Amino acid sequence: MWFIIGLIVGALILGVVWMLKRNNASLSWYEWVIGLAGLALLLFTIQNFIGSFAELESKAASMFLLVTGLPSLILLALAWQLAARRTKKA
């Protein structure tokens, strides 16, 4: 499972870099940091969600989605919005 997730994450990062080069855009350092922190938190959430379900702890699994999954989505949306608004200004 983690091999497939690694392939998907690698393809997504490659796709982002390819799209940035194609559109002659660039991300500032804090957009990269926020995006990578959100991605790491999302992967942490997925791992703990699956692990909690494997141990038949459905309440813990749902709490992981709420406590770590929601902030990861907020960080990813924030990085996307920062980049989108900066490219619209230019």
PDB file of N, CA and C in Angstrom:
ATOM      1  N   MET A   1       0.812  -1.185   0.000  1.00  0.00           N
ATOM      2  CA  MET A   1       0.000   0.000   0.000  1.00  0.00           C
ATOM      3  C   MET A   1       0.866   1.263   0.000  1.00  0.00           C
ATOM      4  N   TRP A   2       1.900   1.284   0.826  1.00  0.00           N
ATOM      5  CA  TRP A   2       2.733   2.492   0.902  1.00  0.00           C
ATOM      6  C   TRP A   2       3.549   2.711  -0.350  1.00  0.00           C
ATOM      7  N   PHE A   3       3.848   1.634  -1.063  1.00  0.00           N
ATOM      8  CA  PHE A   3       4.537   1.797  -2.346  1.00  0.00           C
ATOM      9  C   PHE A   3       3.656   2.548  -3.335  1.00  0.00           C
ATOM     10  N   ILE A   4       2.390   2.171  -3.374  1.00  0.00           N
ATOM     11  CA  ILE A   4       1.450   2.837  -4.280  1.00  0.00           C
ATOM     12  C   ILE A   4       1.241   4.288  -3.869  1.00  0.00           C
ATOM     13  N   ILE A   5       1.118   4.543  -2.570  1.00  0.00           N
ATOM     14  CA  ILE A   5       0.972   5.919  -2.093  1.00  0.00           C
ATOM     15  C   ILE A   5       2.216   6.730  -2.435  1.00  0.00           C
ATOM     16  N   GLY A   6       3.389   6.129  -2.313  1.00  0.00           N
ATOM     17  CA  GLY A   6       4.627   6.805  -2.682  1.00  0.00           C
ATOM     18  C   GLY A   6       4.678   7.149  -4.162  1.00  0.00           C
ATOM     19  N   LEU A   7       4.203   6.235  -4.991  1.00  0.00           N
ATOM     20  CA  LEU A   7       4.149   6.506  -6.430  1.00  0.00           C
ATOM     21  C   LEU A   7       3.183   7.647  -6.741  1.00  0.00           C
ATOM     22  N   ILE A   8       2.033   7.655  -6.066  1.00  0.00           N
ATOM     23  CA  ILE A   8       1.050   8.717  -6.297  1.00  0.00           C
ATOM     24  C   ILE A   8       1.596  10.057  -5.852  1.00  0.00           C
ATOM     25  N   VAL A   9       2.221  10.101  -4.671  1.00  0.00           N
ATOM     26  CA  VAL A   9       2.787  11.365  -4.164  1.00  0.00           C
ATOM     27  C   VAL A   9       3.905  11.849  -5.078  1.00  0.00           C
ATOM     28  N   GLY A  10       4.753  10.946  -5.520  1.00  0.00           N
ATOM     29  CA  GLY A  10       5.820  11.322  -6.448  1.00  0.00           C
ATOM     30  C   GLY A  10       5.283  11.862  -7.758  1.00  0.00           C
ATOM     31  N   ALA A  11       4.235  11.222  -8.273  1.00  0.00           N
ATOM     32  CA  ALA A  11       3.627  11.699  -9.516  1.00  0.00           C
ATOM     33  C   ALA A  11       2.980  13.066  -9.315  1.00  0.00           C
ATOM     34  N   LEU A  12       2.356  13.283  -8.164  1.00  0.00           N
ATOM     35  CA  LEU A  12       1.745  14.587  -7.890  1.00  0.00           C
ATOM     36  C   LEU A  12       2.788  15.699  -7.796  1.00  0.00           C
ATOM     37  N   ILE A  13       3.887  15.424  -7.120  1.00  0.00           N
ATOM     38  CA  ILE A  13       4.948  16.430  -6.999  1.00  0.00           C
ATOM     39  C   ILE A  13       5.567  16.700  -8.367  1.00  0.00           C
ATOM     40  N   LEU A  14       5.796  15.655  -9.134  1.00  0.00           N
ATOM     41  CA  LEU A  14       6.317  15.829 -10.491  1.00  0.00           C
ATOM     42  C   LEU A  14       5.353  16.638 -11.347  1.00  0.00           C
ATOM     43  N   GLY A  15       4.056  16.370 -11.205  1.00  0.00           N
ATOM     44  CA  GLY A  15       3.055  17.114 -11.949  1.00  0.00           C
ATOM     45  C   GLY A  15       3.025  18.586 -11.573  1.00  0.00           C
ATOM     46  N   VAL A  16       3.175  18.883 -10.280  1.00  0.00           N
ATOM     47  CA  VAL A  16       3.194  20.288  -9.840  1.00  0.00           C
ATOM     48  C   VAL A  16       4.406  21.007 -10.412  1.00  0.00           C
ATOM     49  N   VAL A  17       5.558  20.380 -10.324  1.00  0.00           N
ATOM     50  CA  VAL A  17       6.777  21.001 -10.848  1.00  0.00           C
ATOM     51  C   VAL A  17       6.672  21.179 -12.360  1.00  0.00           C
ATOM     52  N   TRP A  18       6.129  20.191 -13.060  1.00  0.00           N
ATOM     53  CA  TRP A  18       5.967  20.285 -14.513  1.00  0.00           C
ATOM     54  C   TRP A  18       5.022  21.417 -14.895  1.00  0.00           C
ATOM     55  N   MET A  19       3.903  21.537 -14.164  1.00  0.00           N
ATOM     56  CA  MET A  19       2.948  22.606 -14.455  1.00  0.00           C
ATOM     57  C   MET A  19       3.548  23.988 -14.167  1.00  0.00           C
ATOM     58  N   LEU A  20       4.345  24.083 -13.107  1.00  0.00           N
ATOM     59  CA  LEU A  20       4.981  25.364 -12.795  1.00  0.00           C
ATOM     60  C   LEU A  20       5.952  25.775 -13.896  1.00  0.00           C
ATOM     61  N   LYS A  21       6.728  24.812 -14.402  1.00  0.00           N
ATOM     62  CA  LYS A  21       7.669  25.131 -15.480  1.00  0.00           C
ATOM     63  C   LYS A  21       6.946  25.460 -16.775  1.00  0.00           C
ATOM     64  N   ARG A  22       5.853  24.767 -17.041  1.00  0.00           N
ATOM     65  CA  ARG A  22       5.107  25.008 -18.272  1.00  0.00           C
ATOM     66  C   ARG A  22       4.468  26.392 -18.271  1.00  0.00           C
ATOM     67  N   ASN A  23       3.993  26.834 -17.116  1.00  0.00           N
ATOM     68  CA  ASN A  23       3.340  28.136 -17.014  1.00  0.00           C
ATOM     69  C   ASN A  23       4.295  29.257 -16.623  1.00  0.00           C
ATOM     70  N   ASN A  24       5.577  28.980 -16.562  1.00  0.00           N
ATOM     71  CA  ASN A  24       6.595  29.941 -16.147  1.00  0.00           C
ATOM     72  C   ASN A  24       6.230  30.606 -14.817  1.00  0.00           C
ATOM     73  N   ALA A  25       5.765  29.823 -13.889  1.00  0.00           N
ATOM     74  CA  ALA A  25       5.405  30.316 -12.553  1.00  0.00           C
ATOM     75  C   ALA A  25       6.387  29.741 -11.550  1.00  0.00           C
ATOM     76  N   SER A  26       6.396  30.319 -10.383  1.00  0.00           N
ATOM     77  CA  SER A  26       7.243  29.792  -9.312  1.00  0.00           C
ATOM     78  C   SER A  26       6.524  29.970  -7.989  1.00  0.00           C
ATOM     79  N   LEU A  27       6.855  29.119  -7.060  1.00  0.00           N
ATOM     80  CA  LEU A  27       6.286  29.203  -5.720  1.00  0.00           C
ATOM     81  C   LEU A  27       7.325  29.796  -4.788  1.00  0.00           C
ATOM     82  N   SER A  28       6.879  30.599  -3.849  1.00  0.00           N
ATOM     83  CA  SER A  28       7.807  31.137  -2.859  1.00  0.00           C
ATOM     84  C   SER A  28       8.097  30.053  -1.821  1.00  0.00           C
ATOM     85  N   TRP A  29       9.110  30.289  -1.014  1.00  0.00           N
ATOM     86  CA  TRP A  29       9.561  29.261  -0.078  1.00  0.00           C
ATOM     87  C   TRP A  29       8.483  28.910   0.935  1.00  0.00           C
ATOM     88  N   TYR A  30       7.702  29.872   1.390  1.00  0.00           N
ATOM     89  CA  TYR A  30       6.700  29.565   2.409  1.00  0.00           C
ATOM     90  C   TYR A  30       5.522  28.795   1.817  1.00  0.00           C
ATOM     91  N   GLU A  31       5.256  28.947   0.533  1.00  0.00           N
ATOM     92  CA  GLU A  31       4.219  28.139  -0.099  1.00  0.00           C
ATOM     93  C   GLU A  31       4.652  26.675  -0.192  1.00  0.00           C
ATOM     94  N   TRP A  32       5.937  26.457  -0.478  1.00  0.00           N
ATOM     95  CA  TRP A  32       6.466  25.094  -0.485  1.00  0.00           C
ATOM     96  C   TRP A  32       6.404  24.487   0.910  1.00  0.00           C
ATOM     97  N   VAL A  33       6.782  25.262   1.934  1.00  0.00           N
ATOM     98  CA  VAL A  33       6.794  24.744   3.307  1.00  0.00           C
ATOM     99  C   VAL A  33       5.378  24.405   3.764  1.00  0.00           C
ATOM    100  N   ILE A  34       4.428  25.290   3.504  1.00  0.00           N
ATOM    101  CA  ILE A  34       3.040  25.037   3.912  1.00  0.00           C
ATOM    102  C   ILE A  34       2.483  23.828   3.160  1.00  0.00           C
ATOM    103  N   GLY A  35       2.757  23.736   1.881  1.00  0.00           N
ATOM    104  CA  GLY A  35       2.271  22.604   1.088  1.00  0.00           C
ATOM    105  C   GLY A  35       2.875  21.282   1.526  1.00  0.00           C
ATOM    106  N   LEU A  36       4.168  21.264   1.780  1.00  0.00           N
ATOM    107  CA  LEU A  36       4.810  20.022   2.223  1.00  0.00           C
ATOM    108  C   LEU A  36       4.376  19.631   3.626  1.00  0.00           C
ATOM    109  N   ALA A  37       4.156  20.617   4.504  1.00  0.00           N
ATOM    110  CA  ALA A  37       3.656  20.316   5.848  1.00  0.00           C
ATOM    111  C   ALA A  37       2.243  19.735   5.762  1.00  0.00           C
ATOM    112  N   GLY A  38       1.411  20.296   4.900  1.00  0.00           N
ATOM    113  CA  GLY A  38       0.069  19.756   4.709  1.00  0.00           C
ATOM    114  C   GLY A  38       0.090  18.352   4.140  1.00  0.00           C
ATOM    115  N   LEU A  39       0.982  18.105   3.192  1.00  0.00           N
ATOM    116  CA  LEU A  39       1.100  16.770   2.603  1.00  0.00           C
ATOM    117  C   LEU A  39       1.593  15.756   3.630  1.00  0.00           C
ATOM    118  N   ALA A  40       2.587  16.135   4.432  1.00  0.00           N
ATOM    119  CA  ALA A  40       3.095  15.235   5.471  1.00  0.00           C
ATOM    120  C   ALA A  40       2.015  14.928   6.501  1.00  0.00           C
ATOM    121  N   LEU A  41       1.256  15.928   6.883  1.00  0.00           N
ATOM    122  CA  LEU A  41       0.183  15.721   7.843  1.00  0.00           C
ATOM    123  C   LEU A  41      -0.925  14.853   7.252  1.00  0.00           C
ATOM    124  N   LEU A  42      -1.190  15.001   5.964  1.00  0.00           N
ATOM    125  CA  LEU A  42      -2.188  14.164   5.308  1.00  0.00           C
ATOM    126  C   LEU A  42      -1.735  12.703   5.257  1.00  0.00           C
ATOM    127  N   LEU A  43      -0.468  12.469   4.944  1.00  0.00           N
ATOM    128  CA  LEU A  43       0.054  11.098   4.930  1.00  0.00           C
ATOM    129  C   LEU A  43       0.039  10.493   6.334  1.00  0.00           C
ATOM    130  N   PHE A  44       0.354  11.303   7.345  1.00  0.00           N
ATOM    131  CA  PHE A  44       0.291  10.861   8.739  1.00  0.00           C
ATOM    132  C   PHE A  44      -1.145  10.477   9.103  1.00  0.00           C
ATOM    133  N   THR A  45      -2.101  11.254   8.645  1.00  0.00           N
ATOM    134  CA  THR A  45      -3.507  10.973   8.909  1.00  0.00           C
ATOM    135  C   THR A  45      -3.936   9.663   8.260  1.00  0.00           C
ATOM    136  N   ILE A  46      -3.558   9.466   7.010  1.00  0.00           N
ATOM    137  CA  ILE A  46      -3.932   8.238   6.303  1.00  0.00           C
ATOM    138  C   ILE A  46      -3.350   7.019   7.007  1.00  0.00           C
ATOM    139  N   GLN A  47      -2.077   7.109   7.398  1.00  0.00           N
ATOM    140  CA  GLN A  47      -1.428   5.981   8.071  1.00  0.00           C
ATOM    141  C   GLN A  47      -2.117   5.648   9.385  1.00  0.00           C
ATOM    142  N   ASN A  48      -2.422   6.636  10.180  1.00  0.00           N
ATOM    143  CA  ASN A  48      -3.052   6.383  11.469  1.00  0.00           C
ATOM    144  C   ASN A  48      -4.518   5.976  11.318  1.00  0.00           C
ATOM    145  N   PHE A  49      -5.199   6.493  10.323  1.00  0.00           N
ATOM    146  CA  PHE A  49      -6.579   6.091  10.066  1.00  0.00           C
ATOM    147  C   PHE A  49      -6.643   4.610   9.705  1.00  0.00           C
ATOM    148  N   ILE A  50      -5.787   4.179   8.796  1.00  0.00           N
ATOM    149  CA  ILE A  50      -5.780   2.775   8.385  1.00  0.00           C
ATOM    150  C   ILE A  50      -5.330   1.877   9.540  1.00  0.00           C
ATOM    151  N   GLY A  51      -4.330   2.327  10.298  1.00  0.00           N
ATOM    152  CA  GLY A  51      -3.867   1.544  11.437  1.00  0.00           C
ATOM    153  C   GLY A  51      -4.921   1.409  12.518  1.00  0.00           C
ATOM    154  N   SER A  52      -5.670   2.459  12.768  1.00  0.00           N
ATOM    155  CA  SER A  52      -6.724   2.387  13.782  1.00  0.00           C
ATOM    156  C   SER A  52      -7.860   1.480  13.333  1.00  0.00           C
ATOM    157  N   PHE A  53      -8.197   1.526  12.049  1.00  0.00           N
ATOM    158  CA  PHE A  53      -9.237   0.617  11.566  1.00  0.00           C
ATOM    159  C   PHE A  53      -8.767  -0.832  11.607  1.00  0.00           C
ATOM    160  N   ALA A  54      -7.489  -1.074  11.349  1.00  0.00           N
ATOM    161  CA  ALA A  54      -6.955  -2.432  11.397  1.00  0.00           C
ATOM    162  C   ALA A  54      -7.024  -2.994  12.811  1.00  0.00           C
ATOM    163  N   GLU A  55      -6.926  -2.138  13.814  1.00  0.00           N
ATOM    164  CA  GLU A  55      -7.012  -2.572  15.207  1.00  0.00           C
ATOM    165  C   GLU A  55      -8.434  -2.472  15.754  1.00  0.00           C
ATOM    166  N   LEU A  56      -9.399  -2.256  14.857  1.00  0.00           N
ATOM    167  CA  LEU A  56     -10.822  -2.181  15.211  1.00  0.00           C
ATOM    168  C   LEU A  56     -11.125  -1.070  16.200  1.00  0.00           C
ATOM    169  N   GLU A  57     -10.464   0.051  16.023  1.00  0.00           N
ATOM    170  CA  GLU A  57     -10.696   1.245  16.840  1.00  0.00           C
ATOM    171  C   GLU A  57     -11.309   2.321  15.953  1.00  0.00           C
ATOM    172  N   SER A  58     -12.596   2.193  15.678  1.00  0.00           N
ATOM    173  CA  SER A  58     -13.229   3.107  14.733  1.00  0.00           C
ATOM    174  C   SER A  58     -13.352   4.523  15.292  1.00  0.00           C
ATOM    175  N   LYS A  59     -13.521   4.660  16.608  1.00  0.00           N
ATOM    176  CA  LYS A  59     -13.612   6.004  17.186  1.00  0.00           C
ATOM    177  C   LYS A  59     -12.264   6.718  17.074  1.00  0.00           C
ATOM    178  N   ALA A  60     -11.172   6.019  17.327  1.00  0.00           N
ATOM    179  CA  ALA A  60      -9.845   6.617  17.181  1.00  0.00           C
ATOM    180  C   ALA A  60      -9.573   6.988  15.724  1.00  0.00           C
ATOM    181  N   ALA A  61     -10.028   6.146  14.807  1.00  0.00           N
ATOM    182  CA  ALA A  61      -9.838   6.440  13.381  1.00  0.00           C
ATOM    183  C   ALA A  61     -10.571   7.714  12.985  1.00  0.00           C
ATOM    184  N   SER A  62     -11.795   7.864  13.455  1.00  0.00           N
ATOM    185  CA  SER A  62     -12.534   9.070  13.102  1.00  0.00           C
ATOM    186  C   SER A  62     -11.958  10.301  13.796  1.00  0.00           C
ATOM    187  N   MET A  63     -11.408  10.144  14.977  1.00  0.00           N
ATOM    188  CA  MET A  63     -10.775  11.275  15.655  1.00  0.00           C
ATOM    189  C   MET A  63      -9.508  11.708  14.922  1.00  0.00           C
ATOM    190  N   PHE A  64      -8.759  10.745  14.367  1.00  0.00           N
ATOM    191  CA  PHE A  64      -7.586  11.107  13.570  1.00  0.00           C
ATOM    192  C   PHE A  64      -7.982  11.910  12.346  1.00  0.00           C
ATOM    193  N   LEU A  65      -9.104  11.534  11.730  1.00  0.00           N
ATOM    194  CA  LEU A  65      -9.564  12.311  10.577  1.00  0.00           C
ATOM    195  C   LEU A  65      -9.889  13.739  10.974  1.00  0.00           C
ATOM    196  N   LEU A  66     -10.482  13.908  12.136  1.00  0.00           N
ATOM    197  CA  LEU A  66     -10.870  15.242  12.575  1.00  0.00           C
ATOM    198  C   LEU A  66      -9.676  16.054  13.063  1.00  0.00           C
ATOM    199  N   VAL A  67      -8.842  15.454  13.892  1.00  0.00           N
ATOM    200  CA  VAL A  67      -7.767  16.204  14.552  1.00  0.00           C
ATOM    201  C   VAL A  67      -6.588  16.477  13.629  1.00  0.00           C
ATOM    202  N   THR A  68      -6.216  15.536  12.788  1.00  0.00           N
ATOM    203  CA  THR A  68      -5.062  15.756  11.913  1.00  0.00           C
ATOM    204  C   THR A  68      -5.446  15.900  10.438  1.00  0.00           C
ATOM    205  N   GLY A  69      -6.560  15.306  10.037  1.00  0.00           N
ATOM    206  CA  GLY A  69      -6.964  15.382   8.639  1.00  0.00           C
ATOM    207  C   GLY A  69      -7.475  16.752   8.237  1.00  0.00           C
ATOM    208  N   LEU A  70      -8.290  17.341   9.088  1.00  0.00           N
ATOM    209  CA  LEU A  70      -8.828  18.666   8.784  1.00  0.00           C
ATOM    210  C   LEU A  70      -7.736  19.733   8.710  1.00  0.00           C
ATOM    211  N   PRO A  71      -6.796  19.795   9.668  1.00  0.00           N
ATOM    212  CA  PRO A  71      -5.709  20.782   9.506  1.00  0.00           C
ATOM    213  C   PRO A  71      -4.840  20.542   8.281  1.00  0.00           C
ATOM    214  N   SER A  72      -4.662  19.276   7.891  1.00  0.00           N
ATOM    215  CA  SER A  72      -3.861  19.012   6.684  1.00  0.00           C
ATOM    216  C   SER A  72      -4.566  19.563   5.454  1.00  0.00           C
ATOM    217  N   LEU A  73      -5.875  19.393   5.372  1.00  0.00           N
ATOM    218  CA  LEU A  73      -6.611  19.939   4.238  1.00  0.00           C
ATOM    219  C   LEU A  73      -6.610  21.460   4.245  1.00  0.00           C
ATOM    220  N   ILE A  74      -6.664  22.051   5.428  1.00  0.00           N
ATOM    221  CA  ILE A  74      -6.600  23.513   5.531  1.00  0.00           C
ATOM    222  C   ILE A  74      -5.244  24.024   5.062  1.00  0.00           C
ATOM    223  N   LEU A  75      -4.164  23.360   5.465  1.00  0.00           N
ATOM    224  CA  LEU A  75      -2.827  23.776   5.030  1.00  0.00           C
ATOM    225  C   LEU A  75      -2.669  23.643   3.515  1.00  0.00           C
ATOM    226  N   LEU A  76      -3.160  22.549   2.955  1.00  0.00           N
ATOM    227  CA  LEU A  76      -3.059  22.360   1.506  1.00  0.00           C
ATOM    228  C   LEU A  76      -3.883  23.400   0.757  1.00  0.00           C
ATOM    229  N   ALA A  77      -5.068  23.705   1.253  1.00  0.00           N
ATOM    230  CA  ALA A  77      -5.893  24.729   0.611  1.00  0.00           C
ATOM    231  C   ALA A  77      -5.261  26.105   0.740  1.00  0.00           C
ATOM    232  N   LEU A  78      -4.629  26.371   1.872  1.00  0.00           N
ATOM    233  CA  LEU A  78      -3.950  27.651   2.072  1.00  0.00           C
ATOM    234  C   LEU A  78      -2.792  27.818   1.099  1.00  0.00           C
ATOM    235  N   ALA A  79      -1.983  26.781   0.936  1.00  0.00           N
ATOM    236  CA  ALA A  79      -0.868  26.852  -0.010  1.00  0.00           C
ATOM    237  C   ALA A  79      -1.378  27.060  -1.432  1.00  0.00           C
ATOM    238  N   TRP A  80      -2.447  26.386  -1.795  1.00  0.00           N
ATOM    239  CA  TRP A  80      -3.019  26.532  -3.128  1.00  0.00           C
ATOM    240  C   TRP A  80      -3.557  27.946  -3.337  1.00  0.00           C
ATOM    241  N   GLN A  81      -4.260  28.476  -2.352  1.00  0.00           N
ATOM    242  CA  GLN A  81      -4.824  29.817  -2.483  1.00  0.00           C
ATOM    243  C   GLN A  81      -3.733  30.887  -2.545  1.00  0.00           C
ATOM    244  N   LEU A  82      -2.686  30.744  -1.750  1.00  0.00           N
ATOM    245  CA  LEU A  82      -1.584  31.709  -1.801  1.00  0.00           C
ATOM    246  C   LEU A  82      -0.953  31.741  -3.185  1.00  0.00           C
ATOM    247  N   ALA A  83      -0.722  30.563  -3.738  1.00  0.00           N
ATOM    248  CA  ALA A  83      -0.110  30.493  -5.063  1.00  0.00           C
ATOM    249  C   ALA A  83      -1.065  31.023  -6.136  1.00  0.00           C
ATOM    250  N   ALA A  84      -2.335  30.695  -6.041  1.00  0.00           N
ATOM    251  CA  ALA A  84      -3.299  31.126  -7.051  1.00  0.00           C
ATOM    252  C   ALA A  84      -3.485  32.647  -7.022  1.00  0.00           C
ATOM    253  N   ARG A  85      -3.554  33.224  -5.844  1.00  0.00           N
ATOM    254  CA  ARG A  85      -3.752  34.661  -5.754  1.00  0.00           C
ATOM    255  C   ARG A  85      -2.516  35.432  -6.201  1.00  0.00           C
ATOM    256  N   ARG A  86      -1.335  34.897  -5.933  1.00  0.00           N
ATOM    257  CA  ARG A  86      -0.117  35.578  -6.365  1.00  0.00           C
ATOM    258  C   ARG A  86       0.036  35.547  -7.876  1.00  0.00           C
ATOM    259  N   THR A  87      -0.359  34.431  -8.504  1.00  0.00           N
ATOM    260  CA  THR A  87      -0.238  34.363  -9.961  1.00  0.00           C
ATOM    261  C   THR A  87      -1.310  35.192 -10.651  1.00  0.00           C
ATOM    262  N   LYS A  88      -2.470  35.406 -10.023  1.00  0.00           N
ATOM    263  CA  LYS A  88      -3.495  36.268 -10.609  1.00  0.00           C
ATOM    264  C   LYS A  88      -3.064  37.744 -10.571  1.00  0.00           C
ATOM    265  N   LYS A  89      -2.301  38.133  -9.553  1.00  0.00           N
ATOM    266  CA  LYS A  89      -1.822  39.518  -9.467  1.00  0.00           C
ATOM    267  C   LYS A  89      -0.846  39.831 -10.585  1.00  0.00           C
ATOM    268  N   ALA A  90      -0.009  38.866 -10.897  1.00  0.00           N
ATOM    269  CA  ALA A  90       1.056  39.111 -11.871  1.00  0.00           C
ATOM    270  C   ALA A  90       0.579  39.106 -13.286  1.00  0.00           C
TER     271      ALA A  90
END
